[in-house]
Amino acid sequence: MRLPSFVLVIALAATVTAGPHKVIVLPLDGNADAATKTKLDAIVDKLAKTIPGTVTDGDTTLAETASAVGCDPNKTACIDSVLTTLAVDEVVWGTATTENGQTTVVVRRATKGTPAQSQTAIVAADSPEASEPGLGPLFGVTGTVAAGSGSAEVGSAAAGSATTTPLPPPPPPPAVAWSGRKKLGVGLAISGAALVVVGAALWASESSVQSDIDSSPDMTASDIQHLKDLESKANGYAWGGNIAMVLGLGAGGYGAYLLWKDHRDHLTVTPAPPPSGTGMTFVLRGRW
């Protein structure tokens, strides 16, 4: 009787160690407007909560998360890296693209080491709620899920039995417009560099004229007058070089400060679960 008891204890310990199945639902990518994506995100989140285990919501899209990890979201290895980084067993993500009054919603789910499965629903742009029955089969759901519950009518197909389709390319990242401060910073930096070059050229001209002064004769009145003209010319070059250099360094320094300030203001910090499963890590992103 001791051996079966020992085996049972080992099995229970393994179950406790493994922990619940962890699922993270990431916001939708795509060009659909914010209000539409908010409604669609809520529908996907409601369907995902029918997956057995612990389901949490992420703050960044898959494209943003993959960019932070440094991999191509079209590849299975990248999805595995995202799962490892977020310390979860499964990820749910997708896109919502609006065109000609219709919104195409593509939702995917993947576990580590397996190809992603996807489900597509096409609805009128003003009726995102109608996408739920079309997306349900990806989660083994038929009909609709009651609001605030994780229960639903489950069809004969098991969760994850949706047709596996290759991942289409993710939408290109949105173009980020330059702020007025960034434009001014770039302009000042370029102007400052140009003034420094002009200042250096004027100093070089002054040095050349000074060489002429050192080698010029001073025996006659005309020689003396010529020397005075050269000295005036050299003085003008020197002052011009000084002014250009001071202005160039000042403009370049202020332009660099504006660019640094603009970059600092666009830094974002996104919390993410650590691989150990305890505590919290942060992903730092920004742009120049």
Protein backbone atom coordinates (compact mmCIF):
# COMPACT_ATOMS: atom_id res chain seq x y z
CA MET A 1 0.00 0.00 0.00
CA ARG A 2 2.92 2.36 0.47
CA LEU A 3 3.94 2.46 -3.25
CA PRO A 4 0.58 3.72 -4.64
CA SER A 5 0.47 6.38 -1.92
CA PHE A 6 3.98 7.52 -2.81
CA VAL A 7 3.04 7.72 -6.52
CA LEU A 8 -0.06 9.73 -5.66
CA VAL A 9 1.98 12.22 -3.62
CA ILE A 10 4.40 12.72 -6.53
CA ALA A 11 1.53 13.29 -8.98
CA LEU A 12 -0.09 15.86 -6.71
CA ALA A 13 3.23 17.68 -6.20
CA ALA A 14 3.79 17.86 -9.96
CA THR A 15 0.30 19.30 -10.44
CA VAL A 16 0.86 21.99 -7.81
CA THR A 17 4.26 22.91 -9.25
CA ALA A 18 2.92 23.26 -12.78
CA GLY A 19 0.34 25.85 -11.75
CA PRO A 20 -2.67 26.99 -13.79
CA HIS A 21 -2.56 27.54 -17.53
CA LYS A 22 -1.66 31.24 -18.02
CA VAL A 23 -3.19 33.15 -20.92
CA ILE A 24 -2.57 36.79 -21.89
CA VAL A 25 -4.89 38.72 -24.23
CA LEU A 26 -3.14 41.54 -26.13
CA PRO A 27 -4.94 44.57 -27.63
CA LEU A 28 -5.82 44.45 -31.32
CA ASP A 29 -3.58 46.03 -33.96
CA GLY A 30 -4.92 47.57 -37.17
CA ASN A 31 -6.32 50.79 -38.57
CA ALA A 32 -9.83 50.54 -37.04
CA ASP A 33 -10.75 53.54 -34.94
CA ALA A 34 -10.12 53.50 -31.20
CA ALA A 35 -13.78 53.13 -30.21
CA THR A 36 -14.26 50.13 -32.51
CA LYS A 37 -11.09 48.44 -31.28
CA THR A 38 -12.12 49.02 -27.66
CA LYS A 39 -15.41 47.16 -28.26
CA LEU A 40 -13.67 44.39 -30.20
CA ASP A 41 -11.02 44.04 -27.47
CA ALA A 42 -13.81 43.54 -24.93
CA ILE A 43 -15.39 40.81 -27.10
CA VAL A 44 -12.07 38.98 -27.58
CA ASP A 45 -11.35 39.25 -23.86
CA LYS A 46 -14.80 37.83 -23.03
CA LEU A 47 -14.27 34.88 -25.38
CA ALA A 48 -10.73 34.28 -24.10
CA LYS A 49 -12.03 33.98 -20.56
CA THR A 50 -13.65 30.67 -21.59
CA ILE A 51 -10.12 29.20 -21.84
CA PRO A 52 -9.40 27.11 -18.72
CA GLY A 53 -6.75 28.74 -16.54
CA THR A 54 -5.78 32.27 -15.59
CA VAL A 55 -6.55 34.92 -18.23
CA THR A 56 -5.03 38.42 -17.99
CA ASP A 57 -5.08 41.47 -20.27
CA GLY A 58 -1.92 42.97 -21.76
CA ASP A 59 -1.25 46.67 -22.37
CA THR A 60 0.67 46.46 -25.67
CA THR A 61 -0.12 44.90 -29.04
CA LEU A 62 1.79 41.91 -30.34
CA ALA A 63 3.67 44.11 -32.85
CA GLU A 64 4.79 46.43 -30.03
CA THR A 65 5.72 43.52 -27.77
CA ALA A 66 7.68 41.78 -30.55
CA SER A 67 9.48 45.05 -31.28
CA ALA A 68 10.49 45.30 -27.63
CA VAL A 69 11.70 41.68 -27.68
CA GLY A 70 13.47 42.31 -31.00
CA CYS A 71 11.92 39.65 -33.25
CA ASP A 72 9.64 39.21 -36.27
CA PRO A 73 6.01 38.63 -35.13
CA ASN A 74 5.33 36.57 -38.29
CA LYS A 75 7.58 33.76 -37.05
CA THR A 76 6.66 31.03 -34.58
CA ALA A 77 10.01 31.49 -32.81
CA CYS A 78 9.09 35.13 -32.14
CA ILE A 79 5.75 34.10 -30.61
CA ASP A 80 7.67 31.66 -28.40
CA SER A 81 9.98 34.51 -27.33
CA VAL A 82 6.97 36.68 -26.49
CA LEU A 83 5.44 33.86 -24.43
CA THR A 84 8.72 33.42 -22.54
CA THR A 85 9.13 37.16 -21.96
CA LEU A 86 5.57 37.54 -20.65
CA ALA A 87 5.86 34.31 -18.62
CA VAL A 88 2.60 32.85 -19.97
CA ASP A 89 1.56 29.59 -21.64
CA GLU A 90 -0.71 31.06 -24.33
CA VAL A 91 -1.18 34.38 -26.09
CA VAL A 92 -4.27 35.75 -27.85
CA TRP A 93 -3.90 38.67 -30.28
CA GLY A 94 -5.21 39.98 -33.57
CA THR A 95 -5.94 42.85 -35.95
CA ALA A 96 -8.98 44.99 -36.78
CA THR A 97 -8.87 46.61 -40.21
CA THR A 98 -11.62 48.92 -41.48
CA GLU A 99 -12.12 49.46 -45.22
CA ASN A 100 -15.15 50.58 -47.24
CA GLY A 101 -17.46 50.53 -44.22
CA GLN A 102 -16.53 47.00 -43.11
CA THR A 103 -14.21 45.87 -40.34
CA THR A 104 -12.27 42.65 -40.75
CA VAL A 105 -11.29 41.12 -37.41
CA VAL A 106 -8.62 38.41 -37.36
CA VAL A 107 -7.97 36.85 -33.95
CA ARG A 108 -5.18 34.36 -33.25
CA ARG A 109 -4.10 32.21 -30.34
CA ALA A 110 -0.89 30.25 -29.90
CA THR A 111 0.94 28.16 -27.35
CA LYS A 112 4.68 27.67 -27.23
CA GLY A 113 6.16 25.63 -30.08
CA THR A 114 2.90 25.35 -32.08
CA PRO A 115 1.66 27.28 -35.14
CA ALA A 116 -0.88 29.99 -34.41
CA GLN A 117 -4.57 29.27 -35.06
CA SER A 118 -6.77 32.05 -36.39
CA GLN A 119 -10.42 32.97 -36.91
CA THR A 120 -11.80 35.81 -39.04
CA ALA A 121 -15.03 37.79 -38.75
CA ILE A 122 -16.23 40.56 -41.09
CA VAL A 123 -18.82 43.00 -39.75
CA ALA A 124 -20.18 46.44 -40.50
CA ALA A 125 -17.89 49.17 -39.16
CA ASP A 126 -20.65 50.39 -36.82
CA SER A 127 -21.53 46.90 -35.48
CA PRO A 128 -18.43 45.39 -33.88
CA GLU A 129 -20.64 43.38 -31.50
CA ALA A 130 -21.69 41.19 -34.44
CA SER A 131 -18.18 39.70 -34.59
CA GLU A 132 -18.65 37.52 -31.50
CA PRO A 133 -20.37 34.53 -33.19
CA GLY A 134 -17.77 34.56 -35.96
CA LEU A 135 -14.83 34.59 -33.56
CA GLY A 136 -16.29 32.11 -31.08
CA PRO A 137 -15.18 28.90 -32.89
CA LEU A 138 -11.53 29.79 -32.23
CA PHE A 139 -12.33 29.32 -28.54
CA GLY A 140 -14.66 26.34 -29.02
CA VAL A 141 -17.69 28.57 -28.40
CA THR A 142 -21.00 28.66 -30.26
CA GLY A 143 -23.47 31.43 -29.63
CA THR A 144 -22.53 34.24 -27.26
CA VAL A 145 -20.87 34.43 -23.88
CA ALA A 146 -22.85 35.96 -21.02
CA ALA A 147 -21.35 39.30 -19.95
CA GLY A 148 -19.12 39.00 -16.91
CA SER A 149 -18.99 35.20 -16.99
CA GLY A 150 -16.54 32.67 -18.28
CA SER A 151 -19.25 30.20 -19.34
CA ALA A 152 -20.63 29.66 -22.81
CA GLU A 153 -22.27 27.06 -24.95
CA VAL A 154 -19.38 24.94 -26.20
CA GLY A 155 -19.80 23.10 -29.47
CA SER A 156 -18.42 19.71 -30.37
CA ALA A 157 -15.14 21.23 -31.53
CA ALA A 158 -12.63 21.55 -28.72
CA ALA A 159 -11.01 24.87 -27.96
CA GLY A 160 -8.15 25.30 -30.39
CA SER A 161 -9.78 23.24 -33.17
CA ALA A 162 -10.16 26.25 -35.45
CA THR A 163 -8.49 26.00 -38.84
CA THR A 164 -4.79 26.83 -38.73
CA THR A 165 -3.86 29.49 -41.26
CA PRO A 166 -0.52 31.19 -41.93
CA LEU A 167 0.02 34.54 -40.26
CA PRO A 168 -0.40 37.52 -42.61
CA PRO A 169 2.10 40.35 -42.27
CA PRO A 170 1.28 42.68 -39.37
CA PRO A 171 0.19 46.20 -40.26
CA PRO A 172 3.06 48.65 -40.68
CA PRO A 173 3.77 50.75 -37.58
CA PRO A 174 2.02 54.13 -37.70
CA ALA A 175 4.14 57.03 -38.88
CA VAL A 176 5.08 59.26 -35.98
CA ALA A 177 4.86 62.98 -36.81
CA TRP A 178 7.70 65.16 -35.63
CA SER A 179 6.79 67.56 -32.86
CA GLY A 180 7.52 71.28 -33.22
CA ARG A 181 10.21 70.96 -30.57
CA LYS A 182 11.92 68.15 -32.48
CA LYS A 183 11.84 70.14 -35.73
CA LEU A 184 13.35 73.16 -33.98
CA GLY A 185 16.00 70.98 -32.35
CA VAL A 186 17.05 69.44 -35.67
CA GLY A 187 17.13 72.88 -37.34
CA LEU A 188 19.26 74.39 -34.58
CA ALA A 189 21.64 71.43 -34.56
CA ILE A 190 22.19 71.67 -38.33
CA SER A 191 22.55 75.45 -38.23
CA GLY A 192 24.97 75.21 -35.31
CA ALA A 193 27.13 72.69 -37.16
CA ALA A 194 27.18 74.95 -40.25
CA LEU A 195 28.22 77.97 -38.15
CA VAL A 196 31.02 75.98 -36.52
CA VAL A 197 32.32 75.07 -39.99
CA VAL A 198 32.15 78.76 -41.06
CA GLY A 199 33.94 79.81 -37.87
CA ALA A 200 36.72 77.30 -38.46
CA ALA A 201 37.08 78.54 -42.07
CA LEU A 202 37.33 82.18 -40.90
CA TRP A 203 39.99 81.24 -38.33
CA ALA A 204 41.93 79.48 -41.07
CA SER A 205 41.71 82.62 -43.26
CA GLU A 206 42.93 84.76 -40.35
CA SER A 207 45.89 82.43 -39.87
CA SER A 208 46.74 82.69 -43.56
CA VAL A 209 46.59 86.50 -43.49
CA GLN A 210 48.75 86.52 -40.36
CA SER A 211 51.38 84.54 -42.26
CA ASP A 212 51.29 87.20 -44.99
CA ILE A 213 51.76 89.92 -42.33
CA ASP A 214 54.75 88.11 -40.86
CA SER A 215 56.42 87.85 -44.27
CA SER A 216 55.55 91.32 -45.64
CA PRO A 217 58.21 94.08 -45.80
CA ASP A 218 57.83 97.25 -43.70
CA MET A 219 60.46 99.52 -45.22
CA THR A 220 58.32 102.12 -47.00
CA ALA A 221 55.14 104.04 -46.29
CA SER A 222 53.26 101.89 -48.80
CA ASP A 223 54.56 98.77 -47.05
CA ILE A 224 53.29 100.10 -43.73
CA GLN A 225 49.88 100.87 -45.26
CA HIS A 226 49.74 97.40 -46.76
CA LEU A 227 50.52 95.88 -43.36
CA LYS A 228 47.73 97.91 -41.75
CA ASP A 229 45.28 96.67 -44.38
CA LEU A 230 46.35 93.07 -43.75
CA GLU A 231 46.05 93.51 -40.00
CA SER A 232 42.53 94.93 -40.38
CA LYS A 233 41.61 92.02 -42.63
CA ALA A 234 43.04 89.48 -40.18
CA ASN A 235 41.21 91.14 -37.30
CA GLY A 236 37.94 90.93 -39.23
CA TYR A 237 38.46 87.22 -39.94
CA ALA A 238 39.31 86.55 -36.28
CA TRP A 239 36.24 88.35 -34.94
CA GLY A 240 34.02 86.73 -37.56
CA GLY A 241 35.37 83.30 -36.63
CA ASN A 242 34.84 83.97 -32.92
CA ILE A 243 31.23 85.08 -33.43
CA ALA A 244 30.37 82.19 -35.77
CA MET A 245 31.94 79.65 -33.42
CA VAL A 246 30.12 80.98 -30.33
CA LEU A 247 26.78 81.13 -32.14
CA GLY A 248 27.31 77.68 -33.67
CA LEU A 249 28.14 76.03 -30.37
CA GLY A 250 25.23 77.74 -28.65
CA ALA A 251 22.71 76.81 -31.35
CA GLY A 252 24.00 73.23 -31.60
CA GLY A 253 23.95 72.75 -27.84
CA TYR A 254 20.41 74.09 -27.48
CA GLY A 255 19.25 71.98 -30.43
CA ALA A 256 20.76 68.85 -28.83
CA TYR A 257 18.98 69.72 -25.57
CA LEU A 258 15.62 70.02 -27.37
CA LEU A 259 16.14 66.66 -29.11
CA TRP A 260 17.03 64.99 -25.80
CA LYS A 261 13.97 66.51 -24.09
CA ASP A 262 11.68 65.39 -26.93
CA HIS A 263 13.11 61.87 -26.74
CA ARG A 264 12.70 61.76 -22.95
CA ASP A 265 9.06 62.89 -23.16
CA HIS A 266 8.26 60.05 -25.59
CA LEU A 267 9.69 57.27 -23.45
CA THR A 268 7.06 54.77 -22.29
CA VAL A 269 7.35 52.18 -19.55
CA THR A 270 5.18 49.07 -19.91
CA PRO A 271 4.90 46.58 -17.03
CA ALA A 272 5.29 42.90 -17.92
CA PRO A 273 5.37 39.75 -15.80
CA PRO A 274 8.92 38.45 -15.21
CA PRO A 275 9.95 34.92 -16.27
CA SER A 276 10.00 33.82 -12.62
CA GLY A 277 6.27 34.57 -12.27
CA THR A 278 6.71 36.88 -9.29
CA GLY A 279 7.25 40.62 -9.04
CA MET A 280 7.14 42.86 -12.10
CA THR A 281 9.52 43.91 -14.87
CA PHE A 282 9.26 46.99 -17.10
CA VAL A 283 9.81 47.42 -20.84
CA LEU A 284 11.29 50.84 -21.73
CA ARG A 285 10.57 52.19 -25.23
CA GLY A 286 11.04 55.55 -26.93
CA ARG A 287 11.86 57.22 -30.23
CA TRP A 288 14.18 59.84 -31.60
